[in-house]
Amino acid sequence: MRVRSAVVCGVALISLAGCGSTGDGETRIPAGPTSAAGPFEAFQRRAEVAAFVAAFRTTFPALADGRSDEAIASDVTHVCLDDLRDPSTGQPTPDGEAAALRRIPGRFERNGITPDWTTSRTILALASGTACSPVEVDGS
């Protein structure tokens, strides 16, 4: 339940912080950088990744302490794109969850604290519910 409330809180914080009003009652969502970024960088800028970062900071303050948002976003992007999916095809891999659980402790270790199995499962669940959620691909 704590993870769910952290995710909801993180999404609410991102929604509030990332939007603005145009003055005519419409809500404006700021556009991301327009430079040609690779798939990794583009994925890392998704609102879902920012929601993960906010929820991760709330849920795991000791693991987040002293880390930049960009570093946390990079780690979860690796989980989403390299562990849960085949990096060459982008398709889910049958052993993606096991790969993620093997790599999460090393990726998220901080201040001498290495995530145990339970913490790693919670990080994976948080990532799956936010940052790694399905990406809508425009078929046009």
Protein backbone atom coordinates (compact mmCIF):
# COMPACT_ATOMS: atom_id res chain seq x y z
CA MET A 1 0.00 0.00 0.00
CA ARG A 2 2.89 2.36 0.72
CA VAL A 3 4.20 1.94 -2.83
CA ARG A 4 0.76 2.66 -4.31
CA SER A 5 0.37 5.88 -2.31
CA ALA A 6 3.92 6.91 -3.23
CA VAL A 7 3.15 6.35 -6.90
CA VAL A 8 -0.09 8.32 -6.69
CA CYS A 9 1.68 11.08 -4.76
CA GLY A 10 4.56 11.11 -7.25
CA VAL A 11 2.20 11.31 -10.22
CA ALA A 12 0.22 14.10 -8.53
CA LEU A 13 3.39 16.03 -7.78
CA ILE A 14 4.64 15.65 -11.34
CA SER A 15 1.25 16.66 -12.71
CA LEU A 16 1.11 19.76 -10.55
CA ALA A 17 4.71 20.78 -11.09
CA GLY A 18 4.77 20.11 -14.81
CA CYS A 19 1.61 21.90 -15.85
CA GLY A 20 0.66 25.52 -16.01
CA SER A 21 -2.37 27.58 -16.86
CA THR A 22 -2.69 29.63 -20.03
CA GLY A 23 -4.97 32.08 -18.24
CA ASP A 24 -8.05 31.08 -20.23
CA GLY A 25 -8.83 28.00 -18.15
CA GLU A 26 -6.78 25.60 -20.26
CA THR A 27 -3.94 23.61 -18.79
CA ARG A 28 -0.64 23.74 -20.62
CA ILE A 29 1.82 20.85 -20.46
CA PRO A 30 5.34 22.02 -21.25
CA ALA A 31 6.98 20.51 -24.28
CA GLY A 32 10.23 18.63 -23.82
CA PRO A 33 13.45 19.58 -25.53
CA THR A 34 13.21 19.52 -29.29
CA SER A 35 16.76 18.36 -29.95
CA ALA A 36 17.17 15.04 -31.67
CA ALA A 37 17.67 12.69 -28.75
CA GLY A 38 18.21 8.98 -28.95
CA PRO A 39 15.61 6.48 -27.74
CA PHE A 40 17.25 6.23 -24.29
CA GLU A 41 17.23 9.99 -23.71
CA ALA A 42 13.71 10.37 -25.12
CA PHE A 43 12.44 7.59 -22.85
CA GLN A 44 14.19 9.13 -19.86
CA ARG A 45 12.20 12.37 -20.36
CA ARG A 46 8.80 10.64 -20.15
CA ALA A 47 6.45 11.86 -17.42
CA GLU A 48 6.21 8.26 -16.20
CA VAL A 49 9.96 8.25 -15.50
CA ALA A 50 9.63 11.49 -13.53
CA ALA A 51 6.78 9.89 -11.57
CA PHE A 52 9.06 6.94 -10.74
CA VAL A 53 11.81 9.30 -9.55
CA ALA A 54 9.42 11.17 -7.24
CA ALA A 55 7.94 7.94 -5.84
CA PHE A 56 11.41 6.36 -5.47
CA ARG A 57 12.62 9.36 -3.44
CA THR A 58 9.58 9.09 -1.16
CA THR A 59 9.69 5.31 -0.75
CA PHE A 60 13.47 4.81 -0.56
CA PRO A 61 15.01 7.99 0.87
CA ALA A 62 18.23 6.25 1.93
CA LEU A 63 18.78 4.89 -1.59
CA ALA A 64 17.92 8.27 -3.14
CA ASP A 65 20.06 10.36 -0.80
CA GLY A 66 22.75 12.25 -2.69
CA ARG A 67 21.59 11.05 -6.12
CA SER A 68 20.39 13.36 -8.84
CA ASP A 69 17.01 12.88 -10.49
CA GLU A 70 18.89 12.21 -13.72
CA ALA A 71 20.87 9.35 -12.15
CA ILE A 72 17.73 7.71 -10.78
CA ALA A 73 15.96 8.23 -14.12
CA SER A 74 18.90 6.66 -15.93
CA ASP A 75 18.83 3.60 -13.67
CA VAL A 76 15.11 3.00 -14.13
CA THR A 77 15.38 3.60 -17.87
CA HIS A 78 17.96 0.79 -18.00
CA VAL A 79 15.51 -1.45 -16.12
CA CYS A 80 12.74 -0.63 -18.59
CA LEU A 81 14.71 -0.73 -21.84
CA ASP A 82 17.59 -3.12 -21.16
CA ASP A 83 16.23 -5.59 -18.61
CA LEU A 84 12.51 -5.98 -19.28
CA ARG A 85 12.84 -5.62 -23.05
CA ASP A 86 15.27 -6.82 -25.69
CA PRO A 87 17.30 -3.67 -26.44
CA SER A 88 17.63 -4.58 -30.13
CA THR A 89 13.91 -5.18 -30.79
CA GLY A 90 12.13 -3.34 -27.98
CA GLN A 91 9.98 -6.41 -27.39
CA PRO A 92 9.40 -7.82 -23.89
CA THR A 93 11.77 -10.65 -23.00
CA PRO A 94 10.55 -13.82 -21.28
CA ASP A 95 13.26 -13.54 -18.61
CA GLY A 96 13.10 -9.73 -18.29
CA GLU A 97 11.82 -9.71 -14.74
CA ALA A 98 14.57 -12.10 -13.60
CA ALA A 99 17.20 -9.96 -15.38
CA ALA A 100 15.85 -6.82 -13.73
CA LEU A 101 15.88 -8.43 -10.29
CA ARG A 102 19.52 -9.50 -10.79
CA ARG A 103 20.60 -5.99 -11.85
CA ILE A 104 18.51 -3.74 -9.58
CA PRO A 105 20.71 -4.22 -6.48
CA GLY A 106 23.81 -2.98 -8.32
CA ARG A 107 21.99 -0.19 -10.10
CA PHE A 108 20.25 1.23 -7.06
CA GLU A 109 22.91 0.60 -4.39
CA ARG A 110 23.71 3.80 -2.50
CA ASN A 111 25.58 4.82 0.63
CA GLY A 112 26.59 1.24 1.36
CA ILE A 113 22.96 0.08 1.16
CA THR A 114 22.24 -2.60 -1.42
CA PRO A 115 18.58 -3.42 -2.08
CA ASP A 116 17.69 -6.89 -0.85
CA TRP A 117 15.33 -9.20 -2.73
CA THR A 118 12.16 -7.69 -1.22
CA THR A 119 13.32 -4.12 -1.88
CA SER A 120 14.35 -5.08 -5.41
CA ARG A 121 10.88 -6.55 -6.04
CA THR A 122 9.31 -3.35 -4.74
CA ILE A 123 11.54 -1.20 -6.98
CA LEU A 124 10.61 -3.41 -9.95
CA ALA A 125 6.90 -3.13 -9.13
CA LEU A 126 7.22 0.64 -8.82
CA ALA A 127 9.10 0.82 -12.13
CA SER A 128 6.55 -1.41 -13.85
CA GLY A 129 3.67 0.74 -12.60
CA THR A 130 5.25 4.04 -13.62
CA ALA A 131 8.35 4.36 -15.79
CA CYS A 132 8.03 1.04 -17.62
CA SER A 133 4.33 1.35 -18.31
CA PRO A 134 3.39 0.68 -21.94
CA VAL A 135 4.51 3.23 -24.48
CA GLU A 136 1.91 4.27 -27.03
CA VAL A 137 3.40 4.15 -30.50
CA ASP A 138 1.78 6.25 -33.20
CA GLY A 139 1.28 4.00 -36.21
CA SER A 140 0.89 6.82 -38.73
